[in-house]
Amino acid sequence: MQAGVVKTKICRREFDCTGCRFDRVLRNLAEENRKRSASGQAVPGRRGRIVYWPDKLRGLPAHRRPCLHHLKRRIEFRACTNDYLCSNCEFDQYFQDQYAVHAVLKPVAMKDVKGVKIPQGVYLHRGHAWVGMASGGQVRIGLDAFAARLLGPLDRIELPLMGKPLERGRVGIRMNRGDLRTGLVAPVSGVVTAFNPIVNDNPKALPADPYGDGWLLMVQPNHLREDLRSLQMGAEATAFIESEIDQLFQAIETQLGPLAADGGTLSDDILGSLPPNCWKKVARQFLRTDRA
């Protein structure tokens, strides 16, 4: 579809064409059309216009031939300089090394505060992003469990592509639930080196494991030591989350009444019961987007 060979076809295989029946059928049709054309036999109708996608893209001017990773919406536009021979493309190898991202090391211990998990070993930002150390001087960024419970199931998360800059204190990620929209403030400044394809394709998977498989971005930070000074860890992070929970109870108790019969444990979808105006106000207050 992205190459312009067919109109609309949603990929269900993470853009892995190997073993894809649809891709195999198109390849066979394109090869059949090529042979008939070479022998002077025209194939009428739409079927006769089918060509294999690399041939379609090779028909574009060289500077307009998009890299496959751009077609897969992983990066901004980049021209292919290797005639779509990805197997020996240095950029493709580099990208796959980054995109396949490193095994996620989960925190060694978790502290539970009224139903909210606080990991020991990662940093928390006041806008409820978390930062964990990764290999090569990079950091992994995600949405903490407090915010995941606050927002509930999300319909779409707009993650920046590889190579995009992040600026500490500015909204770097957009999150959508129906017509409602909020953002996550970047906890560090740097350049995006990878994003999580699982959460990108299925945002509702995030709350189940926000500090593990639900991570959002990998970033090469510009001034990590300076950025870490504004983040919290350990006892300081625990005290911060406890304070946030208390403030949240006060902020929405008039809307929801008692949050739970067990003494105030946070539910999995706090804002789901609120009217849109209140949802926006509470999300803005706790994600600190009004200051970004």
Protein backbone atom coordinates (compact mmCIF):
# COMPACT_ATOMS: atom_id res chain seq x y z
CA MET A 1 0.00 0.00 0.00
CA GLN A 2 2.73 2.48 0.99
CA ALA A 3 4.60 1.79 -2.25
CA GLY A 4 1.48 2.62 -4.26
CA VAL A 5 0.90 -0.87 -5.69
CA VAL A 6 -2.45 -1.43 -3.95
CA LYS A 7 -4.88 1.00 -2.34
CA THR A 8 -5.61 -0.16 1.20
CA LYS A 9 -4.18 -3.17 2.99
CA ILE A 10 -3.42 -3.19 6.72
CA CYS A 11 -0.28 -5.13 7.64
CA ARG A 12 -0.79 -7.69 10.44
CA ARG A 13 2.76 -9.07 10.37
CA GLU A 14 4.88 -6.21 11.74
CA PHE A 15 5.95 -5.47 8.13
CA ASP A 16 7.73 -8.82 7.88
CA CYS A 17 6.99 -9.86 4.29
CA THR A 18 8.66 -13.26 4.69
CA GLY A 19 5.90 -15.85 4.67
CA CYS A 20 3.17 -13.28 3.91
CA ARG A 21 0.62 -14.85 1.60
CA PHE A 22 -0.55 -11.48 0.27
CA ASP A 23 2.99 -10.46 -0.63
CA ARG A 24 3.58 -13.82 -2.29
CA VAL A 25 0.45 -13.47 -4.44
CA LEU A 26 1.45 -9.96 -5.52
CA ARG A 27 4.97 -11.14 -6.37
CA ASN A 28 3.60 -13.94 -8.53
CA LEU A 29 1.17 -11.60 -10.32
CA ALA A 30 3.91 -9.02 -10.90
CA GLU A 31 6.25 -11.68 -12.32
CA GLU A 32 3.48 -12.99 -14.57
CA ASN A 33 2.77 -9.45 -15.83
CA ARG A 34 6.48 -8.88 -16.46
CA LYS A 35 6.79 -12.04 -18.56
CA ARG A 36 3.65 -11.27 -20.57
CA SER A 37 4.79 -7.70 -21.16
CA ALA A 38 8.19 -8.95 -22.36
CA SER A 39 6.47 -11.24 -24.85
CA GLY A 40 4.12 -8.50 -26.05
CA GLN A 41 1.00 -9.85 -24.32
CA ALA A 42 -0.84 -7.08 -22.52
CA VAL A 43 -2.92 -7.96 -19.44
CA PRO A 44 -6.08 -5.81 -19.28
CA GLY A 45 -7.59 -4.21 -16.18
CA ARG A 46 -6.23 -3.53 -12.71
CA ARG A 47 -4.50 -6.88 -12.55
CA GLY A 48 -2.31 -5.94 -15.47
CA ARG A 49 -1.07 -2.83 -13.65
CA ILE A 50 0.35 -4.76 -10.70
CA VAL A 51 4.12 -4.57 -10.42
CA TYR A 52 6.38 -5.70 -7.61
CA TRP A 53 6.83 -2.92 -5.06
CA PRO A 54 10.65 -2.49 -5.48
CA ASP A 55 10.13 -2.00 -9.22
CA LYS A 56 7.39 0.53 -8.52
CA LEU A 57 9.67 2.52 -6.20
CA ARG A 58 12.65 2.28 -8.56
CA GLY A 59 10.55 4.20 -11.06
CA LEU A 60 10.78 7.30 -8.86
CA PRO A 61 13.61 9.84 -9.14
CA ALA A 62 16.55 8.71 -7.00
CA HIS A 63 16.09 11.46 -4.41
CA ARG A 64 12.43 10.51 -3.93
CA ARG A 65 12.87 6.76 -3.43
CA PRO A 66 11.91 6.27 0.24
CA CYS A 67 13.82 4.03 2.60
CA LEU A 68 11.67 1.09 3.69
CA HIS A 69 11.91 2.19 7.31
CA HIS A 70 10.22 5.44 6.29
CA LEU A 71 7.46 3.49 4.55
CA LYS A 72 7.01 1.51 7.76
CA ARG A 73 6.63 4.85 9.59
CA ARG A 74 9.62 4.25 11.82
CA ILE A 75 11.71 7.23 10.67
CA GLU A 76 11.22 10.49 8.81
CA PHE A 77 11.92 10.59 5.08
CA ARG A 78 15.24 9.13 4.04
CA ALA A 79 16.12 8.26 0.43
CA CYS A 80 17.17 4.69 -0.32
CA THR A 81 20.75 4.65 -1.62
CA ASN A 82 21.10 0.89 -2.01
CA ASP A 83 18.52 0.01 -4.70
CA TYR A 84 16.28 -1.64 -2.07
CA LEU A 85 18.87 -4.32 -1.36
CA CYS A 86 18.40 -4.23 2.41
CA SER A 87 20.45 -7.36 3.08
CA ASN A 88 23.73 -5.48 2.51
CA CYS A 89 22.62 -1.98 3.55
CA GLU A 90 24.69 -0.50 6.40
CA PHE A 91 21.85 1.78 7.51
CA ASP A 92 19.40 -1.13 7.64
CA GLN A 93 21.83 -3.11 9.80
CA TYR A 94 22.30 -0.13 12.10
CA PHE A 95 18.55 0.44 12.32
CA GLN A 96 17.77 -3.19 13.06
CA ASP A 97 20.39 -3.22 15.82
CA GLN A 98 18.69 -0.20 17.40
CA TYR A 99 15.08 -1.13 16.67
CA ALA A 100 15.35 -4.66 17.96
CA VAL A 101 16.25 -2.97 21.22
CA HIS A 102 18.13 -4.61 23.87
CA ALA A 103 16.42 -6.85 26.36
CA VAL A 104 14.43 -4.96 28.94
CA LEU A 105 15.88 -5.36 32.43
CA LYS A 106 13.07 -5.09 34.92
CA PRO A 107 13.68 -3.42 38.29
CA VAL A 108 14.97 -5.77 40.96
CA ALA A 109 12.33 -4.69 43.48
CA MET A 110 8.96 -2.95 43.52
CA LYS A 111 7.34 -0.97 46.30
CA ASP A 112 3.54 -0.88 46.46
CA VAL A 113 1.88 2.37 47.55
CA LYS A 114 -1.92 2.10 47.60
CA GLY A 115 -1.91 -0.06 44.47
CA VAL A 116 0.78 1.91 42.62
CA LYS A 117 4.03 0.10 41.86
CA ILE A 118 7.21 2.12 42.40
CA PRO A 119 10.35 0.52 40.95
CA GLN A 120 13.59 0.60 42.88
CA GLY A 121 16.40 1.51 40.50
CA VAL A 122 14.74 3.91 38.07
CA TYR A 123 14.23 7.67 38.23
CA LEU A 124 10.81 9.37 38.29
CA HIS A 125 9.97 12.73 36.77
CA ARG A 126 7.32 14.99 38.32
CA GLY A 127 5.33 14.68 35.09
CA HIS A 128 5.18 10.90 35.68
CA ALA A 129 7.71 9.73 33.14
CA TRP A 130 10.32 7.26 34.36
CA VAL A 131 13.96 6.99 33.26
CA GLY A 132 16.06 3.83 33.38
CA MET A 133 19.69 3.35 32.44
CA ALA A 134 20.39 1.27 29.31
CA SER A 135 23.46 0.17 27.35
CA GLY A 136 25.75 2.51 25.45
CA GLY A 137 24.97 5.52 27.63
CA GLN A 138 21.34 5.52 26.50
CA VAL A 139 18.25 5.75 28.69
CA ARG A 140 14.86 4.12 28.44
CA ILE A 141 11.78 6.27 29.06
CA GLY A 142 8.24 5.25 29.96
CA LEU A 143 5.00 6.26 31.68
CA ASP A 144 4.92 5.42 35.40
CA ALA A 145 2.26 3.22 37.00
CA PHE A 146 0.52 6.17 38.67
CA ALA A 147 -0.11 7.85 35.30
CA ALA A 148 -1.03 4.53 33.67
CA ARG A 149 -3.76 4.01 36.29
CA LEU A 150 -4.80 7.65 36.10
CA LEU A 151 -5.30 7.69 32.32
CA GLY A 152 -6.63 4.17 31.89
CA PRO A 153 -6.61 2.43 28.47
CA LEU A 154 -5.25 4.65 25.71
CA ASP A 155 -6.32 4.43 22.07
CA ARG A 156 -3.21 5.96 20.54
CA ILE A 157 0.27 7.01 21.62
CA GLU A 158 2.17 9.30 19.27
CA LEU A 159 5.84 8.42 19.71
CA PRO A 160 8.57 10.50 18.06
CA LEU A 161 10.56 8.77 15.33
CA MET A 162 14.23 7.86 15.45
CA GLY A 163 16.47 10.90 15.19
CA LYS A 164 13.91 13.29 16.64
CA PRO A 165 15.17 15.58 19.44
CA LEU A 166 13.60 15.66 22.91
CA GLU A 167 13.81 18.70 25.16
CA ARG A 168 13.57 18.27 28.91
CA GLY A 169 10.47 19.96 30.30
CA ARG A 170 8.64 20.00 26.95
CA VAL A 171 5.92 17.58 25.86
CA GLY A 172 7.61 14.85 23.83
CA ILE A 173 4.88 12.20 23.59
CA ARG A 174 1.18 12.61 22.85
CA MET A 175 -1.46 10.26 24.26
CA ASN A 176 -5.05 9.94 23.07
CA ARG A 177 -8.17 8.39 24.51
CA GLY A 178 -11.12 8.86 22.21
CA ASP A 179 -11.38 12.60 21.57
CA LEU A 180 -9.35 13.40 24.70
CA ARG A 181 -5.67 14.23 24.32
CA THR A 182 -2.80 14.81 26.72
CA GLY A 183 0.98 14.63 26.71
CA LEU A 184 4.01 13.28 28.54
CA VAL A 185 6.73 15.77 29.40
CA ALA A 186 10.24 14.67 28.42
CA PRO A 187 12.32 13.97 31.54
CA VAL A 188 15.65 14.36 29.71
CA SER A 189 17.00 16.13 26.63
CA GLY A 190 18.49 14.06 23.83
CA VAL A 191 17.86 12.25 20.56
CA VAL A 192 15.41 9.37 20.10
CA THR A 193 17.24 6.19 19.09
CA ALA A 194 14.30 3.76 19.19
CA PHE A 195 10.65 3.44 20.14
CA ASN A 196 8.65 0.48 21.41
CA PRO A 197 6.75 -1.11 18.49
CA ILE A 198 4.54 -3.13 20.85
CA VAL A 199 3.10 -0.06 22.58
CA ASN A 200 3.09 1.91 19.33
CA ASP A 201 0.83 -0.71 17.72
CA ASN A 202 -1.18 -1.59 20.84
CA PRO A 203 -1.27 1.24 23.43
CA LYS A 204 -3.62 -0.74 25.66
CA ALA A 205 -0.70 -3.08 26.44
CA LEU A 206 1.12 -0.35 28.38
CA PRO A 207 -0.64 -0.52 31.80
CA ALA A 208 0.08 -4.24 32.23
CA ASP A 209 3.85 -3.69 32.49
CA PRO A 210 4.73 0.03 32.37
CA TYR A 211 8.30 -0.48 33.62
CA GLY A 212 9.03 -3.50 31.43
CA ASP A 213 7.43 -4.34 28.10
CA GLY A 214 5.48 -1.06 28.25
CA TRP A 215 8.54 1.21 27.85
CA LEU A 216 8.13 3.97 25.27
CA LEU A 217 11.44 5.38 24.01
CA MET A 218 15.18 4.85 23.95
CA VAL A 219 17.08 8.14 24.04
CA GLN A 220 20.71 9.19 23.74
CA PRO A 221 20.79 11.99 26.35
CA ASN A 222 22.65 15.25 25.84
CA HIS A 223 23.22 16.24 29.47
CA LEU A 224 22.23 13.23 31.55
CA ARG A 225 24.02 14.19 34.76
CA GLU A 226 22.30 17.58 34.77
CA ASP A 227 18.90 16.09 33.90
CA LEU A 228 19.10 13.48 36.67
CA ARG A 229 19.30 16.23 39.28
CA SER A 230 15.65 17.08 38.60
CA LEU A 231 14.50 13.44 38.91
CA GLN A 232 13.66 11.35 41.97
CA MET A 233 14.62 7.86 43.10
CA GLY A 234 14.14 5.58 46.10
CA ALA A 235 12.61 7.14 49.22
CA GLU A 236 12.21 10.49 47.48
CA ALA A 237 10.23 8.89 44.64
CA THR A 238 8.08 6.98 47.14
CA ALA A 239 7.24 10.16 49.05
CA PHE A 240 6.41 11.91 45.77
CA ILE A 241 3.97 9.19 44.68
CA GLU A 242 2.33 9.12 48.12
CA SER A 243 1.80 12.88 47.89
CA GLU A 244 0.41 12.57 44.36
CA ILE A 245 -2.07 9.91 45.44
CA ASP A 246 -3.30 12.08 48.32
CA GLN A 247 -3.70 15.06 45.98
CA LEU A 248 -5.52 12.90 43.45
CA PHE A 249 -8.01 11.74 46.08
CA GLN A 250 -8.72 15.36 46.95
CA ALA A 251 -8.94 16.47 43.30
CA ILE A 252 -11.57 14.01 42.16
CA GLU A 253 -13.38 12.86 45.29
CA THR A 254 -16.16 15.35 44.60
CA GLN A 255 -16.61 13.80 41.14
CA LEU A 256 -16.36 10.09 42.03
CA GLY A 257 -17.10 9.87 45.73
CA PRO A 258 -14.95 7.38 47.71
CA LEU A 259 -12.49 5.80 45.26
CA ALA A 260 -12.67 2.34 46.82
CA ALA A 261 -14.10 0.50 49.77
CA ASP A 262 -10.67 -0.79 50.83
CA GLY A 263 -9.38 2.50 52.13
CA GLY A 264 -8.46 4.35 48.99
CA THR A 265 -6.55 2.03 46.68
CA LEU A 266 -6.33 3.46 43.18
CA SER A 267 -8.39 1.74 40.50
CA ASP A 268 -7.07 0.84 37.04
CA ASP A 269 -9.01 3.58 35.22
CA ILE A 270 -9.51 6.61 37.44
CA LEU A 271 -10.33 9.16 34.77
CA GLY A 272 -12.64 6.84 32.85
CA SER A 273 -15.59 7.90 35.01
CA LEU A 274 -14.95 11.62 34.75
CA PRO A 275 -16.57 14.08 32.33
CA PRO A 276 -14.23 15.32 29.56
CA ASN A 277 -13.55 18.73 31.11
CA CYS A 278 -12.56 17.18 34.43
CA TRP A 279 -10.45 14.53 32.62
CA LYS A 280 -8.46 17.24 30.88
CA LYS A 281 -8.01 19.27 34.05
CA VAL A 282 -6.80 16.36 36.17
CA ALA A 283 -4.53 15.02 33.41
CA ARG A 284 -3.00 18.47 32.95
CA GLN A 285 -2.50 18.89 36.70
CA PHE A 286 -0.70 15.60 37.32
CA LEU A 287 1.22 15.26 34.05
CA ARG A 288 2.38 18.89 34.45
CA THR A 289 1.64 19.70 30.81
CA ASP A 290 0.38 23.17 31.74
CA ARG A 291 3.98 24.08 32.52
CA ALA A 292 5.54 22.48 29.45
